[in-house]
Amino acid sequence: MPTCPRCDNRIPLIHVMRHSRWTPIICKKCHSKLHFNKKEWLKMTVPLFAIAVSNVFITSFVIKTTLSILLIIFAVFFFIRLKSIKLEVKKGK
């Protein structure tokens, strides 16, 4: 489960799944704004995005089925990986 780097407070998984660029995760204990480590976020989302986009443009049924299965596998991997993602404190302006 992800934790706050400042106070080691556990962040609920539902907050991590709702996180986006425009909605930071806020630690309830120390009130710091947290965001994903960019390198880990790319590792998780690029395969999902690539397979989903290529699935739209390919017309062969066999290849489309294979890509759909890969998409499901990567989606499961994505949700498992969310539990171990590293969070960083967002720097204020």
Protein backbone atom coordinates (compact mmCIF):
# COMPACT_ATOMS: atom_id res chain seq x y z
CA MET A 1 0.00 0.00 0.00
CA PRO A 2 1.39 3.46 -0.85
CA THR A 3 2.60 5.63 2.01
CA CYS A 4 3.30 9.33 2.45
CA PRO A 5 7.05 10.00 2.14
CA ARG A 6 6.93 12.63 4.90
CA CYS A 7 4.94 10.96 7.68
CA ASP A 8 4.65 7.29 6.55
CA ASN A 9 0.86 7.49 6.67
CA ARG A 10 -0.81 4.81 4.54
CA ILE A 11 -2.76 6.18 1.57
CA PRO A 12 -5.99 4.27 0.78
CA LEU A 13 -5.96 2.54 -2.60
CA ILE A 14 -9.17 4.32 -3.67
CA HIS A 15 -7.37 7.67 -3.37
CA VAL A 16 -4.49 6.36 -5.46
CA MET A 17 -6.85 5.12 -8.20
CA ARG A 18 -8.67 8.48 -8.36
CA HIS A 19 -5.42 10.45 -8.61
CA SER A 20 -4.71 12.39 -11.82
CA ARG A 21 -2.54 15.29 -12.89
CA TRP A 22 -5.26 17.75 -11.80
CA THR A 23 -6.33 16.07 -8.56
CA PRO A 24 -3.38 15.44 -6.24
CA ILE A 25 -3.52 13.01 -3.35
CA ILE A 26 -3.57 14.87 -0.02
CA CYS A 27 -2.19 13.12 3.04
CA LYS A 28 -4.72 13.30 5.88
CA LYS A 29 -2.01 13.28 8.55
CA CYS A 30 0.50 15.94 7.35
CA HIS A 31 -1.64 17.58 4.60
CA SER A 32 1.10 17.37 1.97
CA LYS A 33 0.15 17.09 -1.71
CA LEU A 34 1.38 13.85 -3.25
CA HIS A 35 1.75 12.70 -6.84
CA PHE A 36 3.04 9.64 -8.66
CA ASN A 37 6.67 9.06 -9.47
CA LYS A 38 6.69 9.84 -13.23
CA LYS A 39 8.98 6.97 -14.18
CA GLU A 40 6.78 4.34 -12.51
CA TRP A 41 3.60 5.90 -13.88
CA LEU A 42 4.98 5.63 -17.43
CA LYS A 43 5.96 1.99 -16.87
CA MET A 44 2.37 1.21 -15.91
CA THR A 45 0.38 3.25 -18.42
CA VAL A 46 2.36 3.09 -21.68
CA PRO A 47 1.66 -0.62 -22.37
CA LEU A 48 -2.06 -0.14 -21.63
CA PHE A 49 -2.29 2.91 -23.88
CA ALA A 50 -0.28 1.33 -26.73
CA ILE A 51 -2.39 -1.82 -26.81
CA ALA A 52 -5.68 0.07 -26.53
CA VAL A 53 -4.77 2.43 -29.39
CA SER A 54 -3.45 -0.34 -31.63
CA ASN A 55 -6.59 -2.39 -30.93
CA VAL A 56 -8.69 0.37 -32.50
CA PHE A 57 -6.77 0.43 -35.79
CA ILE A 58 -6.23 -3.30 -36.41
CA THR A 59 -8.96 -5.10 -38.35
CA SER A 60 -7.79 -8.73 -38.13
CA PHE A 61 -9.93 -10.72 -35.69
CA VAL A 62 -7.05 -12.95 -34.51
CA ILE A 63 -4.75 -10.02 -33.80
CA LYS A 64 -7.58 -8.04 -32.18
CA THR A 65 -8.38 -10.97 -29.88
CA THR A 66 -4.72 -11.34 -28.92
CA LEU A 67 -4.42 -7.62 -28.21
CA SER A 68 -7.61 -7.70 -26.13
CA ILE A 69 -6.19 -10.51 -24.01
CA LEU A 70 -2.94 -8.55 -23.59
CA LEU A 71 -4.94 -5.48 -22.62
CA ILE A 72 -6.73 -7.44 -19.89
CA ILE A 73 -3.41 -8.83 -18.61
CA PHE A 74 -1.83 -5.37 -18.51
CA ALA A 75 -4.91 -3.94 -16.79
CA VAL A 76 -4.58 -6.54 -14.03
CA PHE A 77 -0.85 -5.75 -13.83
CA PHE A 78 -1.73 -2.04 -13.57
CA PHE A 79 -4.01 -2.56 -10.56
CA ILE A 80 -1.50 -4.85 -8.83
CA ARG A 81 1.25 -2.29 -9.44
CA LEU A 82 -0.85 0.50 -7.87
CA LYS A 83 -0.29 -1.09 -4.47
CA SER A 84 3.46 -0.62 -4.68
CA ILE A 85 3.72 2.73 -6.48
CA LYS A 86 6.01 5.36 -5.00
CA LEU A 87 4.50 8.73 -4.18
CA GLU A 88 6.41 12.01 -4.12
CA VAL A 89 5.61 15.25 -2.35
CA LYS A 90 4.35 17.82 -4.83
CA LYS A 91 6.44 20.96 -4.78
CA GLY A 92 4.42 24.11 -4.14
CA LYS A 93 4.69 27.22 -6.30
